Amino acid sequence: MLPVSLNITLMLSGYLLVMGYLGLGLLIMRRHPTRPWTAARRLAPAPAGRGWPELVRRVVGTALGGYMLLVAVAVGYYHGVAHLGRRFLLSAVTGPALLIGITLPAFLLTSWVATRRRR
């Protein structure tokens, strides 16, 4: 039998714990509903502002928030669990920054098209 590395064991146990808690929560909600469920009238909230400045603010805010979360997870895992060196952490920070810089114009264009179609 092949030995399973500590990284795989930690990842699998964390995944199983999260999925178990979510499943338990759904089971509890199903057995003891707090209120009757009603379907949402609208999936997306109404836009708070209009125009290019608001669209750019939302797109850049989403991209930066996602980047910060990705970097926090990468640094936490690779520094705290895997104990890899500084050069790898530098790569883990600059690689996603490059990807966000490349994809941000496409994301902005897609958001603009989706906003135009909603009107």
PDB file of N, CA and C in Angstrom:
ATOM      1  N   MET A   1       0.846  -1.182   0.000  1.00  0.00           N
ATOM      2  CA  MET A   1       0.000   0.000   0.000  1.00  0.00           C
ATOM      3  C   MET A   1       0.889   1.242   0.000  1.00  0.00           C
ATOM      4  N   LEU A   2       0.546   2.211  -0.833  1.00  0.00           N
ATOM      5  CA  LEU A   2       1.335   3.425  -0.943  1.00  0.00           C
ATOM      6  C   LEU A   2       1.016   4.381   0.195  1.00  0.00           C
ATOM      7  N   PRO A   3       2.036   5.013   0.775  1.00  0.00           N
ATOM      8  CA  PRO A   3       1.753   5.984   1.837  1.00  0.00           C
ATOM      9  C   PRO A   3       1.166   7.262   1.246  1.00  0.00           C
ATOM     10  N   VAL A   4       0.207   7.832   1.939  1.00  0.00           N
ATOM     11  CA  VAL A   4      -0.446   9.065   1.501  1.00  0.00           C
ATOM     12  C   VAL A   4       0.262  10.229   2.187  1.00  0.00           C
ATOM     13  N   SER A   5       0.626  11.237   1.416  1.00  0.00           N
ATOM     14  CA  SER A   5       1.363  12.362   2.001  1.00  0.00           C
ATOM     15  C   SER A   5       0.470  13.158   2.947  1.00  0.00           C
ATOM     16  N   LEU A   6       1.119  13.926   3.799  1.00  0.00           N
ATOM     17  CA  LEU A   6       0.397  14.724   4.787  1.00  0.00           C
ATOM     18  C   LEU A   6      -0.468  15.785   4.112  1.00  0.00           C
ATOM     19  N   ASN A   7       0.014  16.339   3.013  1.00  0.00           N
ATOM     20  CA  ASN A   7      -0.758  17.374   2.299  1.00  0.00           C
ATOM     21  C   ASN A   7      -2.087  16.823   1.800  1.00  0.00           C
ATOM     22  N   ILE A   8      -2.043  15.637   1.202  1.00  0.00           N
ATOM     23  CA  ILE A   8      -3.267  15.022   0.684  1.00  0.00           C
ATOM     24  C   ILE A   8      -4.209  14.699   1.839  1.00  0.00           C
ATOM     25  N   THR A   9      -3.670  14.200   2.921  1.00  0.00           N
ATOM     26  CA  THR A   9      -4.495  13.851   4.080  1.00  0.00           C
ATOM     27  C   THR A   9      -5.178  15.086   4.660  1.00  0.00           C
ATOM     28  N   LEU A  10      -4.431  16.185   4.793  1.00  0.00           N
ATOM     29  CA  LEU A  10      -5.022  17.415   5.325  1.00  0.00           C
ATOM     30  C   LEU A  10      -6.097  17.965   4.399  1.00  0.00           C
ATOM     31  N   MET A  11      -5.819  17.967   3.109  1.00  0.00           N
ATOM     32  CA  MET A  11      -6.794  18.479   2.158  1.00  0.00           C
ATOM     33  C   MET A  11      -8.063  17.633   2.166  1.00  0.00           C
ATOM     34  N   LEU A  12      -7.904  16.329   2.157  1.00  0.00           N
ATOM     35  CA  LEU A  12      -9.065  15.446   2.148  1.00  0.00           C
ATOM     36  C   LEU A  12      -9.873  15.549   3.434  1.00  0.00           C
ATOM     37  N   SER A  13      -9.200  15.605   4.566  1.00  0.00           N
ATOM     38  CA  SER A  13      -9.939  15.702   5.829  1.00  0.00           C
ATOM     39  C   SER A  13     -10.666  17.039   5.932  1.00  0.00           C
ATOM     40  N   GLY A  14     -10.038  18.127   5.477  1.00  0.00           N
ATOM     41  CA  GLY A  14     -10.723  19.422   5.471  1.00  0.00           C
ATOM     42  C   GLY A  14     -11.935  19.413   4.563  1.00  0.00           C
ATOM     43  N   TYR A  15     -11.792  18.823   3.389  1.00  0.00           N
ATOM     44  CA  TYR A  15     -12.912  18.734   2.446  1.00  0.00           C
ATOM     45  C   TYR A  15     -14.053  17.921   3.046  1.00  0.00           C
ATOM     46  N   LEU A  16     -13.720  16.781   3.633  1.00  0.00           N
ATOM     47  CA  LEU A  16     -14.766  15.937   4.224  1.00  0.00           C
ATOM     48  C   LEU A  16     -15.457  16.620   5.395  1.00  0.00           C
ATOM     49  N   LEU A  17     -14.700  17.371   6.198  1.00  0.00           N
ATOM     50  CA  LEU A  17     -15.325  18.097   7.311  1.00  0.00           C
ATOM     51  C   LEU A  17     -16.286  19.170   6.797  1.00  0.00           C
ATOM     52  N   VAL A  18     -15.858  19.948   5.810  1.00  0.00           N
ATOM     53  CA  VAL A  18     -16.717  21.003   5.282  1.00  0.00           C
ATOM     54  C   VAL A  18     -17.973  20.407   4.656  1.00  0.00           C
ATOM     55  N   MET A  19     -17.816  19.384   3.834  1.00  0.00           N
ATOM     56  CA  MET A  19     -18.976  18.768   3.186  1.00  0.00           C
ATOM     57  C   MET A  19     -19.900  18.105   4.220  1.00  0.00           C
ATOM     58  N   GLY A  20     -19.315  17.516   5.252  1.00  0.00           N
ATOM     59  CA  GLY A  20     -20.131  16.921   6.308  1.00  0.00           C
ATOM     60  C   GLY A  20     -20.959  17.965   7.044  1.00  0.00           C
ATOM     61  N   TYR A  21     -20.322  19.107   7.372  1.00  0.00           N
ATOM     62  CA  TYR A  21     -21.055  20.175   8.052  1.00  0.00           C
ATOM     63  C   TYR A  21     -22.153  20.745   7.155  1.00  0.00           C
ATOM     64  N   LEU A  22     -21.869  20.919   5.881  1.00  0.00           N
ATOM     65  CA  LEU A  22     -22.892  21.422   4.969  1.00  0.00           C
ATOM     66  C   LEU A  22     -24.053  20.434   4.841  1.00  0.00           C
ATOM     67  N   GLY A  23     -23.737  19.150   4.723  1.00  0.00           N
ATOM     68  CA  GLY A  23     -24.785  18.135   4.637  1.00  0.00           C
ATOM     69  C   GLY A  23     -25.618  18.075   5.902  1.00  0.00           C
ATOM     70  N   LEU A  24     -24.960  18.192   7.056  1.00  0.00           N
ATOM     71  CA  LEU A  24     -25.684  18.191   8.327  1.00  0.00           C
ATOM     72  C   LEU A  24     -26.588  19.410   8.427  1.00  0.00           C
ATOM     73  N   GLY A  25     -26.109  20.561   7.985  1.00  0.00           N
ATOM     74  CA  GLY A  25     -26.932  21.769   7.999  1.00  0.00           C
ATOM     75  C   GLY A  25     -28.158  21.637   7.114  1.00  0.00           C
ATOM     76  N   LEU A  26     -27.967  21.069   5.928  1.00  0.00           N
ATOM     77  CA  LEU A  26     -29.119  20.855   5.044  1.00  0.00           C
ATOM     78  C   LEU A  26     -30.117  19.880   5.640  1.00  0.00           C
ATOM     79  N   LEU A  27     -29.622  18.842   6.275  1.00  0.00           N
ATOM     80  CA  LEU A  27     -30.511  17.868   6.910  1.00  0.00           C
ATOM     81  C   LEU A  27     -31.315  18.513   8.035  1.00  0.00           C
ATOM     82  N   ILE A  28     -30.672  19.333   8.842  1.00  0.00           N
ATOM     83  CA  ILE A  28     -31.365  20.014   9.936  1.00  0.00           C
ATOM     84  C   ILE A  28     -32.404  20.995   9.386  1.00  0.00           C
ATOM     85  N   MET A  29     -32.031  21.737   8.346  1.00  0.00           N
ATOM     86  CA  MET A  29     -32.987  22.683   7.759  1.00  0.00           C
ATOM     87  C   MET A  29     -34.182  21.974   7.146  1.00  0.00           C
ATOM     88  N   ARG A  30     -33.964  20.800   6.604  1.00  0.00           N
ATOM     89  CA  ARG A  30     -35.058  20.066   5.978  1.00  0.00           C
ATOM     90  C   ARG A  30     -36.018  19.497   7.023  1.00  0.00           C
ATOM     91  N   ARG A  31     -35.483  19.060   8.144  1.00  0.00           N
ATOM     92  CA  ARG A  31     -36.337  18.473   9.186  1.00  0.00           C
ATOM     93  C   ARG A  31     -37.063  19.534  10.002  1.00  0.00           C
ATOM     94  N   HIS A  32     -36.414  20.669  10.211  1.00  0.00           N
ATOM     95  CA  HIS A  32     -36.995  21.729  11.032  1.00  0.00           C
ATOM     96  C   HIS A  32     -36.970  23.050  10.268  1.00  0.00           C
ATOM     97  N   PRO A  33     -37.843  23.214   9.283  1.00  0.00           N
ATOM     98  CA  PRO A  33     -37.815  24.475   8.532  1.00  0.00           C
ATOM     99  C   PRO A  33     -38.256  25.640   9.405  1.00  0.00           C
ATOM    100  N   THR A  34     -37.563  26.750   9.277  1.00  0.00           N
ATOM    101  CA  THR A  34     -37.907  27.924  10.083  1.00  0.00           C
ATOM    102  C   THR A  34     -39.036  28.722   9.457  1.00  0.00           C
ATOM    103  N   ARG A  35     -39.102  28.732   8.149  1.00  0.00           N
ATOM    104  CA  ARG A  35     -40.187  29.432   7.459  1.00  0.00           C
ATOM    105  C   ARG A  35     -40.355  28.799   6.086  1.00  0.00           C
ATOM    106  N   PRO A  36     -41.501  28.964   5.495  1.00  0.00           N
ATOM    107  CA  PRO A  36     -41.689  28.373   4.160  1.00  0.00           C
ATOM    108  C   PRO A  36     -40.797  29.068   3.133  1.00  0.00           C
ATOM    109  N   TRP A  37     -40.324  28.283   2.188  1.00  0.00           N
ATOM    110  CA  TRP A  37     -39.434  28.795   1.162  1.00  0.00           C
ATOM    111  C   TRP A  37     -40.232  29.446   0.053  1.00  0.00           C
ATOM    112  N   THR A  38     -39.800  30.611  -0.380  1.00  0.00           N
ATOM    113  CA  THR A  38     -40.419  31.288  -1.515  1.00  0.00           C
ATOM    114  C   THR A  38     -39.344  31.567  -2.546  1.00  0.00           C
ATOM    115  N   ALA A  39     -39.714  31.453  -3.787  1.00  0.00           N
ATOM    116  CA  ALA A  39     -38.759  31.689  -4.864  1.00  0.00           C
ATOM    117  C   ALA A  39     -38.417  33.172  -4.955  1.00  0.00           C
ATOM    118  N   ALA A  40     -37.197  33.462  -5.324  1.00  0.00           N
ATOM    119  CA  ALA A  40     -36.763  34.843  -5.472  1.00  0.00           C
ATOM    120  C   ALA A  40     -37.422  35.458  -6.697  1.00  0.00           C
ATOM    121  N   ARG A  41     -37.768  36.716  -6.590  1.00  0.00           N
ATOM    122  CA  ARG A  41     -38.387  37.394  -7.714  1.00  0.00           C
ATOM    123  C   ARG A  41     -37.356  37.807  -8.753  1.00  0.00           C
ATOM    124  N   ARG A  42     -36.181  38.125  -8.293  1.00  0.00           N
ATOM    125  CA  ARG A  42     -35.141  38.596  -9.193  1.00  0.00           C
ATOM    126  C   ARG A  42     -33.809  37.999  -8.759  1.00  0.00           C
ATOM    127  N   LEU A  43     -33.056  37.491  -9.705  1.00  0.00           N
ATOM    128  CA  LEU A  43     -31.785  36.852  -9.364  1.00  0.00           C
ATOM    129  C   LEU A  43     -30.690  37.861  -9.065  1.00  0.00           C
ATOM    130  N   ALA A  44     -30.595  38.909  -9.830  1.00  0.00           N
ATOM    131  CA  ALA A  44     -29.538  39.893  -9.641  1.00  0.00           C
ATOM    132  C   ALA A  44     -30.114  41.146  -8.984  1.00  0.00           C
ATOM    133  N   PRO A  45     -29.382  41.721  -8.046  1.00  0.00           N
ATOM    134  CA  PRO A  45     -29.876  42.955  -7.433  1.00  0.00           C
ATOM    135  C   PRO A  45     -29.824  44.112  -8.427  1.00  0.00           C
ATOM    136  N   ALA A  46     -30.636  45.095  -8.176  1.00  0.00           N
ATOM    137  CA  ALA A  46     -30.652  46.267  -9.049  1.00  0.00           C
ATOM    138  C   ALA A  46     -29.312  46.991  -8.944  1.00  0.00           C
ATOM    139  N   PRO A  47     -28.812  47.504 -10.050  1.00  0.00           N
ATOM    140  CA  PRO A  47     -27.517  48.188  -9.997  1.00  0.00           C
ATOM    141  C   PRO A  47     -27.592  49.450  -9.144  1.00  0.00           C
ATOM    142  N   ALA A  48     -26.562  49.655  -8.325  1.00  0.00           N
ATOM    143  CA  ALA A  48     -26.540  50.802  -7.433  1.00  0.00           C
ATOM    144  C   ALA A  48     -26.235  52.091  -8.189  1.00  0.00           C
ATOM    145  N   GLY A  49     -25.367  52.004  -9.186  1.00  0.00           N
ATOM    146  CA  GLY A  49     -25.001  53.187  -9.952  1.00  0.00           C
ATOM    147  C   GLY A  49     -25.022  52.866 -11.431  1.00  0.00           C
ATOM    148  N   ARG A  50     -24.819  53.886 -12.226  1.00  0.00           N
ATOM    149  CA  ARG A  50     -24.833  53.694 -13.675  1.00  0.00           C
ATOM    150  C   ARG A  50     -23.578  54.302 -14.270  1.00  0.00           C
ATOM    151  N   GLY A  51     -23.271  53.852 -15.452  1.00  0.00           N
ATOM    152  CA  GLY A  51     -22.168  54.443 -16.184  1.00  0.00           C
ATOM    153  C   GLY A  51     -20.860  53.676 -16.031  1.00  0.00           C
ATOM    154  N   TRP A  52     -19.891  54.165 -16.776  1.00  0.00           N
ATOM    155  CA  TRP A  52     -18.578  53.521 -16.789  1.00  0.00           C
ATOM    156  C   TRP A  52     -17.864  53.535 -15.445  1.00  0.00           C
ATOM    157  N   PRO A  53     -17.881  54.648 -14.704  1.00  0.00           N
ATOM    158  CA  PRO A  53     -17.150  54.632 -13.425  1.00  0.00           C
ATOM    159  C   PRO A  53     -17.658  53.556 -12.462  1.00  0.00           C
ATOM    160  N   GLU A  54     -18.962  53.372 -12.412  1.00  0.00           N
ATOM    161  CA  GLU A  54     -19.523  52.348 -11.523  1.00  0.00           C
ATOM    162  C   GLU A  54     -19.163  50.945 -11.997  1.00  0.00           C
ATOM    163  N   LEU A  55     -19.224  50.715 -13.307  1.00  0.00           N
ATOM    164  CA  LEU A  55     -18.869  49.408 -13.852  1.00  0.00           C
ATOM    165  C   LEU A  55     -17.401  49.087 -13.603  1.00  0.00           C
ATOM    166  N   VAL A  56     -16.524  50.050 -13.849  1.00  0.00           N
ATOM    167  CA  VAL A  56     -15.094  49.829 -13.615  1.00  0.00           C
ATOM    168  C   VAL A  56     -14.835  49.582 -12.128  1.00  0.00           C
ATOM    169  N   ARG A  57     -15.500  50.337 -11.267  1.00  0.00           N
ATOM    170  CA  ARG A  57     -15.313  50.150  -9.825  1.00  0.00           C
ATOM    171  C   ARG A  57     -15.712  48.742  -9.395  1.00  0.00           C
ATOM    172  N   ARG A  58     -16.835  48.257  -9.895  1.00  0.00           N
ATOM    173  CA  ARG A  58     -17.292  46.909  -9.534  1.00  0.00           C
ATOM    174  C   ARG A  58     -16.375  45.823 -10.076  1.00  0.00           C
ATOM    175  N   VAL A  59     -15.961  45.958 -11.323  1.00  0.00           N
ATOM    176  CA  VAL A  59     -15.101  44.942 -11.934  1.00  0.00           C
ATOM    177  C   VAL A  59     -13.741  44.903 -11.244  1.00  0.00           C
ATOM    178  N   VAL A  60     -13.141  46.061 -11.021  1.00  0.00           N
ATOM    179  CA  VAL A  60     -11.830  46.105 -10.364  1.00  0.00           C
ATOM    180  C   VAL A  60     -11.949  45.630  -8.920  1.00  0.00           C
ATOM    181  N   GLY A  61     -13.018  45.991  -8.242  1.00  0.00           N
ATOM    182  CA  GLY A  61     -13.218  45.518  -6.872  1.00  0.00           C
ATOM    183  C   GLY A  61     -13.351  44.006  -6.794  1.00  0.00           C
ATOM    184  N   THR A  62     -14.081  43.424  -7.736  1.00  0.00           N
ATOM    185  CA  THR A  62     -14.223  41.967  -7.777  1.00  0.00           C
ATOM    186  C   THR A  62     -12.889  41.289  -8.069  1.00  0.00           C
ATOM    187  N   ALA A  63     -12.149  41.832  -9.036  1.00  0.00           N
ATOM    188  CA  ALA A  63     -10.856  41.240  -9.394  1.00  0.00           C
ATOM    189  C   ALA A  63      -9.857  41.349  -8.242  1.00  0.00           C
ATOM    190  N   LEU A  64      -9.778  42.503  -7.597  1.00  0.00           N
ATOM    191  CA  LEU A  64      -8.836  42.662  -6.484  1.00  0.00           C
ATOM    192  C   LEU A  64      -9.229  41.809  -5.281  1.00  0.00           C
ATOM    193  N   GLY A  65     -10.526  41.729  -5.005  1.00  0.00           N
ATOM    194  CA  GLY A  65     -10.968  40.876  -3.901  1.00  0.00           C
ATOM    195  C   GLY A  65     -10.643  39.412  -4.150  1.00  0.00           C
ATOM    196  N   GLY A  66     -10.875  38.951  -5.375  1.00  0.00           N
ATOM    197  CA  GLY A  66     -10.532  37.576  -5.716  1.00  0.00           C
ATOM    198  C   GLY A  66      -9.039  37.326  -5.655  1.00  0.00           C
ATOM    199  N   TYR A  67      -8.242  38.311  -6.100  1.00  0.00           N
ATOM    200  CA  TYR A  67      -6.784  38.171  -6.054  1.00  0.00           C
ATOM    201  C   TYR A  67      -6.291  38.098  -4.610  1.00  0.00           C
ATOM    202  N   MET A  68      -6.819  38.965  -3.755  1.00  0.00           N
ATOM    203  CA  MET A  68      -6.383  38.953  -2.353  1.00  0.00           C
ATOM    204  C   MET A  68      -6.747  37.637  -1.673  1.00  0.00           C
ATOM    205  N   LEU A  69      -7.924  37.091  -1.976  1.00  0.00           N
ATOM    206  CA  LEU A  69      -8.312  35.805  -1.401  1.00  0.00           C
ATOM    207  C   LEU A  69      -7.405  34.684  -1.911  1.00  0.00           C
ATOM    208  N   LEU A  70      -7.107  34.691  -3.199  1.00  0.00           N
ATOM    209  CA  LEU A  70      -6.221  33.681  -3.771  1.00  0.00           C
ATOM    210  C   LEU A  70      -4.832  33.752  -3.163  1.00  0.00           C
ATOM    211  N   VAL A  71      -4.293  34.955  -3.010  1.00  0.00           N
ATOM    212  CA  VAL A  71      -2.962  35.104  -2.422  1.00  0.00           C
ATOM    213  C   VAL A  71      -2.968  34.678  -0.963  1.00  0.00           C
ATOM    214  N   ALA A  72      -4.021  35.013  -0.232  1.00  0.00           N
ATOM    215  CA  ALA A  72      -4.088  34.605   1.175  1.00  0.00           C
ATOM    216  C   ALA A  72      -4.113  33.088   1.306  1.00  0.00           C
ATOM    217  N   VAL A  73      -4.876  32.414   0.460  1.00  0.00           N
ATOM    218  CA  VAL A  73      -4.926  30.952   0.500  1.00  0.00           C
ATOM    219  C   VAL A  73      -3.580  30.357   0.093  1.00  0.00           C
ATOM    220  N   ALA A  74      -2.990  30.896  -0.969  1.00  0.00           N
ATOM    221  CA  ALA A  74      -1.707  30.362  -1.448  1.00  0.00           C
ATOM    222  C   ALA A  74      -0.611  30.558  -0.409  1.00  0.00           C
ATOM    223  N   VAL A  75      -0.506  31.751   0.153  1.00  0.00           N
ATOM    224  CA  VAL A  75       0.522  31.998   1.163  1.00  0.00           C
ATOM    225  C   VAL A  75       0.264  31.162   2.409  1.00  0.00           C
ATOM    226  N   GLY A  76      -0.976  31.079   2.833  1.00  0.00           N
ATOM    227  CA  GLY A  76      -1.294  30.268   4.014  1.00  0.00           C
ATOM    228  C   GLY A  76      -0.957  28.807   3.823  1.00  0.00           C
ATOM    229  N   TYR A  77      -1.267  28.281   2.659  1.00  0.00           N
ATOM    230  CA  TYR A  77      -0.998  26.864   2.418  1.00  0.00           C
ATOM    231  C   TYR A  77       0.482  26.605   2.197  1.00  0.00           C
ATOM    232  N   TYR A  78       1.073  27.338   1.267  1.00  0.00           N
ATOM    233  CA  TYR A  78       2.447  27.034   0.899  1.00  0.00           C
ATOM    234  C   TYR A  78       3.448  27.437   1.964  1.00  0.00           C
ATOM    235  N   HIS A  79       3.147  28.442   2.746  1.00  0.00           N
ATOM    236  CA  HIS A  79       4.057  28.819   3.831  1.00  0.00           C
ATOM    237  C   HIS A  79       3.755  28.034   5.107  1.00  0.00           C
ATOM    238  N   GLY A  80       2.464  27.870   5.400  1.00  0.00           N
ATOM    239  CA  GLY A  80       2.095  27.215   6.659  1.00  0.00           C
ATOM    240  C   GLY A  80       2.102  25.706   6.613  1.00  0.00           C
ATOM    241  N   VAL A  81       1.726  25.098   5.491  1.00  0.00           N
ATOM    242  CA  VAL A  81       1.616  23.644   5.417  1.00  0.00           C
ATOM    243  C   VAL A  81       2.786  23.030   4.661  1.00  0.00           C
ATOM    244  N   ALA A  82       3.060  23.537   3.477  1.00  0.00           N
ATOM    245  CA  ALA A  82       4.072  22.906   2.630  1.00  0.00           C
ATOM    246  C   ALA A  82       5.486  23.387   2.942  1.00  0.00           C
ATOM    247  N   HIS A  83       5.637  24.520   3.599  1.00  0.00           N
ATOM    248  CA  HIS A  83       6.944  25.079   3.975  1.00  0.00           C
ATOM    249  C   HIS A  83       7.868  25.236   2.770  1.00  0.00           C
ATOM    250  N   LEU A  84       7.361  25.866   1.729  1.00  0.00           N
ATOM    251  CA  LEU A  84       8.178  26.121   0.551  1.00  0.00           C
ATOM    252  C   LEU A  84       8.872  27.462   0.687  1.00  0.00           C
ATOM    253  N   GLY A  85       9.894  27.688  -0.120  1.00  0.00           N
ATOM    254  CA  GLY A  85      10.736  28.870   0.007  1.00  0.00           C
ATOM    255  C   GLY A  85      10.115  30.144  -0.505  1.00  0.00           C
ATOM    256  N   ARG A  86      10.900  31.235  -0.365  1.00  0.00           N
ATOM    257  CA  ARG A  86      10.434  32.559  -0.744  1.00  0.00           C
ATOM    258  C   ARG A  86      10.232  32.707  -2.244  1.00  0.00           C
ATOM    259  N   ARG A  87      11.088  32.066  -3.030  1.00  0.00           N
ATOM    260  CA  ARG A  87      10.956  32.207  -4.483  1.00  0.00           C
ATOM    261  C   ARG A  87       9.634  31.623  -4.963  1.00  0.00           C
ATOM    262  N   PHE A  88       9.218  30.537  -4.351  1.00  0.00           N
ATOM    263  CA  PHE A  88       7.934  29.970  -4.732  1.00  0.00           C
ATOM    264  C   PHE A  88       6.796  30.892  -4.320  1.00  0.00           C
ATOM    265  N   LEU A  89       6.890  31.493  -3.131  1.00  0.00           N
ATOM    266  CA  LEU A  89       5.845  32.427  -2.700  1.00  0.00           C
ATOM    267  C   LEU A  89       5.797  33.650  -3.603  1.00  0.00           C
ATOM    268  N   LEU A  90       6.960  34.133  -4.047  1.00  0.00           N
ATOM    269  CA  LEU A  90       6.979  35.253  -4.977  1.00  0.00           C
ATOM    270  C   LEU A  90       6.277  34.874  -6.273  1.00  0.00           C
ATOM    271  N   SER A  91       6.505  33.661  -6.726  1.00  0.00           N
ATOM    272  CA  SER A  91       5.828  33.177  -7.925  1.00  0.00           C
ATOM    273  C   SER A  91       4.328  33.037  -7.690  1.00  0.00           C
ATOM    274  N   ALA A  92       3.933  32.607  -6.497  1.00  0.00           N
ATOM    275  CA  ALA A  92       2.512  32.453  -6.175  1.00  0.00           C
ATOM    276  C   ALA A  92       1.800  33.798  -6.099  1.00  0.00           C
ATOM    277  N   VAL A  93       2.543  34.877  -5.843  1.00  0.00           N
ATOM    278  CA  VAL A  93       1.938  36.214  -5.778  1.00  0.00           C
ATOM    279  C   VAL A  93       1.928  36.879  -7.151  1.00  0.00           C
ATOM    280  N   THR A  94       3.014  36.751  -7.908  1.00  0.00           N
ATOM    281  CA  THR A  94       3.106  37.452  -9.187  1.00  0.00           C
ATOM    282  C   THR A  94       2.380  36.730 -10.318  1.00  0.00           C
ATOM    283  N   GLY A  95       2.281  35.417 -10.271  1.00  0.00           N
ATOM    284  CA  GLY A  95       1.587  34.676 -11.320  1.00  0.00           C
ATOM    285  C   GLY A  95       0.120  35.050 -11.441  1.00  0.00           C
ATOM    286  N   PRO A  96      -0.646  34.992 -10.341  1.00  0.00           N
ATOM    287  CA  PRO A  96      -2.047  35.417 -10.427  1.00  0.00           C
ATOM    288  C   PRO A  96      -2.206  36.894 -10.777  1.00  0.00           C
ATOM    289  N   ALA A  97      -1.256  37.742 -10.370  1.00  0.00           N
ATOM    290  CA  ALA A  97      -1.339  39.162 -10.730  1.00  0.00           C
ATOM    291  C   ALA A  97      -1.243  39.325 -12.244  1.00  0.00           C
ATOM    292  N   LEU A  98      -0.360  38.569 -12.869  1.00  0.00           N
ATOM    293  CA  LEU A  98      -0.244  38.617 -14.323  1.00  0.00           C
ATOM    294  C   LEU A  98      -1.528  38.118 -14.986  1.00  0.00           C
ATOM    295  N   LEU A  99      -2.092  37.031 -14.466  1.00  0.00           N
ATOM    296  CA  LEU A  99      -3.328  36.504 -15.036  1.00  0.00           C
ATOM    297  C   LEU A  99      -4.483  37.496 -14.898  1.00  0.00           C
ATOM    298  N   ILE A 100      -4.566  38.167 -13.769  1.00  0.00           N
ATOM    299  CA  ILE A 100      -5.628  39.154 -13.578  1.00  0.00           C
ATOM    300  C   ILE A 100      -5.420  40.327 -14.516  1.00  0.00           C
ATOM    301  N   GLY A 101      -4.172  40.735 -14.709  1.00  0.00           N
ATOM    302  CA  GLY A 101      -3.890  41.821 -15.644  1.00  0.00           C
ATOM    303  C   GLY A 101      -4.271  41.467 -17.072  1.00  0.00           C
ATOM    304  N   ILE A 102      -4.127  40.212 -17.436  1.00  0.00           N
ATOM    305  CA  ILE A 102      -4.478  39.778 -18.778  1.00  0.00           C
ATOM    306  C   ILE A 102      -5.999  39.643 -18.938  1.00  0.00           C
ATOM    307  N   THR A 103      -6.660  39.093 -17.927  1.00  0.00           N
ATOM    308  CA  THR A 103      -8.093  38.803 -18.060  1.00  0.00           C
ATOM    309  C   THR A 103      -9.006  39.953 -17.654  1.00  0.00           C
ATOM    310  N   LEU A 104      -8.481  40.960 -16.976  1.00  0.00           N
ATOM    311  CA  LEU A 104      -9.334  42.060 -16.520  1.00  0.00           C
ATOM    312  C   LEU A 104     -10.029  42.789 -17.673  1.00  0.00           C
ATOM    313  N   PRO A 105      -9.356  43.087 -18.791  1.00  0.00           N
ATOM    314  CA  PRO A 105     -10.090  43.721 -19.907  1.00  0.00           C
ATOM    315  C   PRO A 105     -11.216  42.837 -20.453  1.00  0.00           C
ATOM    316  N   ALA A 106     -10.983  41.533 -20.541  1.00  0.00           N
ATOM    317  CA  ALA A 106     -12.041  40.643 -21.032  1.00  0.00           C
ATOM    318  C   ALA A 106     -13.210  40.595 -20.043  1.00  0.00           C
ATOM    319  N   PHE A 107     -12.914  40.575 -18.762  1.00  0.00           N
ATOM    320  CA  PHE A 107     -13.951  40.572 -17.740  1.00  0.00           C
ATOM    321  C   PHE A 107     -14.739  41.880 -17.777  1.00  0.00           C
ATOM    322  N   LEU A 108     -14.046  43.002 -17.982  1.00  0.00           N
ATOM    323  CA  LEU A 108     -14.714  44.297 -18.074  1.00  0.00           C
ATOM    324  C   LEU A 108     -15.643  44.341 -19.285  1.00  0.00           C
ATOM    325  N   LEU A 109     -15.179  43.850 -20.417  1.00  0.00           N
ATOM    326  CA  LEU A 109     -16.000  43.829 -21.628  1.00  0.00           C
ATOM    327  C   LEU A 109     -17.226  42.931 -21.444  1.00  0.00           C
ATOM    328  N   THR A 110     -17.039  41.763 -20.854  1.00  0.00           N
ATOM    329  CA  THR A 110     -18.152  40.844 -20.619  1.00  0.00           C
ATOM    330  C   THR A 110     -19.176  41.453 -19.662  1.00  0.00           C
ATOM    331  N   SER A 111     -18.714  42.107 -18.618  1.00  0.00           N
ATOM    332  CA  SER A 111     -19.630  42.759 -17.674  1.00  0.00           C
ATOM    333  C   SER A 111     -20.397  43.879 -18.348  1.00  0.00           C
ATOM    334  N   TRP A 112     -19.729  44.619 -19.224  1.00  0.00           N
ATOM    335  CA  TRP A 112     -20.390  45.698 -19.930  1.00  0.00           C
ATOM    336  C   TRP A 112     -21.485  45.160 -20.846  1.00  0.00           C
ATOM    337  N   VAL A 113     -21.189  44.066 -21.554  1.00  0.00           N
ATOM    338  CA  VAL A 113     -22.183  43.458 -22.447  1.00  0.00           C
ATOM    339  C   VAL A 113     -23.372  42.933 -21.632  1.00  0.00           C
ATOM    340  N   ALA A 114     -23.110  42.287 -20.511  1.00  0.00           N
ATOM    341  CA  ALA A 114     -24.196  41.767 -19.673  1.00  0.00           C
ATOM    342  C   ALA A 114     -25.053  42.894 -19.125  1.00  0.00           C
ATOM    343  N   THR A 115     -24.439  44.007 -18.758  1.00  0.00           N
ATOM    344  CA  THR A 115     -25.191  45.145 -18.257  1.00  0.00           C
ATOM    345  C   THR A 115     -26.040  45.770 -19.351  1.00  0.00           C
ATOM    346  N   ARG A 116     -25.504  45.848 -20.552  1.00  0.00           N
ATOM    347  CA  ARG A 116     -26.258  46.413 -21.673  1.00  0.00           C
ATOM    348  C   ARG A 116     -27.456  45.547 -22.032  1.00  0.00           C
ATOM    349  N   ARG A 117     -27.309  44.237 -21.946  1.00  0.00           N
ATOM    350  CA  ARG A 117     -28.416  43.339 -22.293  1.00  0.00           C
ATOM    351  C   ARG A 117     -29.548  43.415 -21.272  1.00  0.00           C
ATOM    352  N   ARG A 118     -29.222  43.725 -20.028  1.00  0.00           N
ATOM    353  CA  ARG A 118     -30.240  43.780 -18.986  1.00  0.00           C
ATOM    354  C   ARG A 118     -31.171  44.959 -19.159  1.00  0.00           C
ATOM    355  N   ARG A 119     -30.713  45.995 -19.816  1.00  0.00           N
ATOM    356  CA  ARG A 119     -31.544  47.213 -19.971  1.00  0.00           C
ATOM    357  C   ARG A 119     -32.623  47.051 -20.966  1.00  0.00           C
TER     358      ARG A 119
END
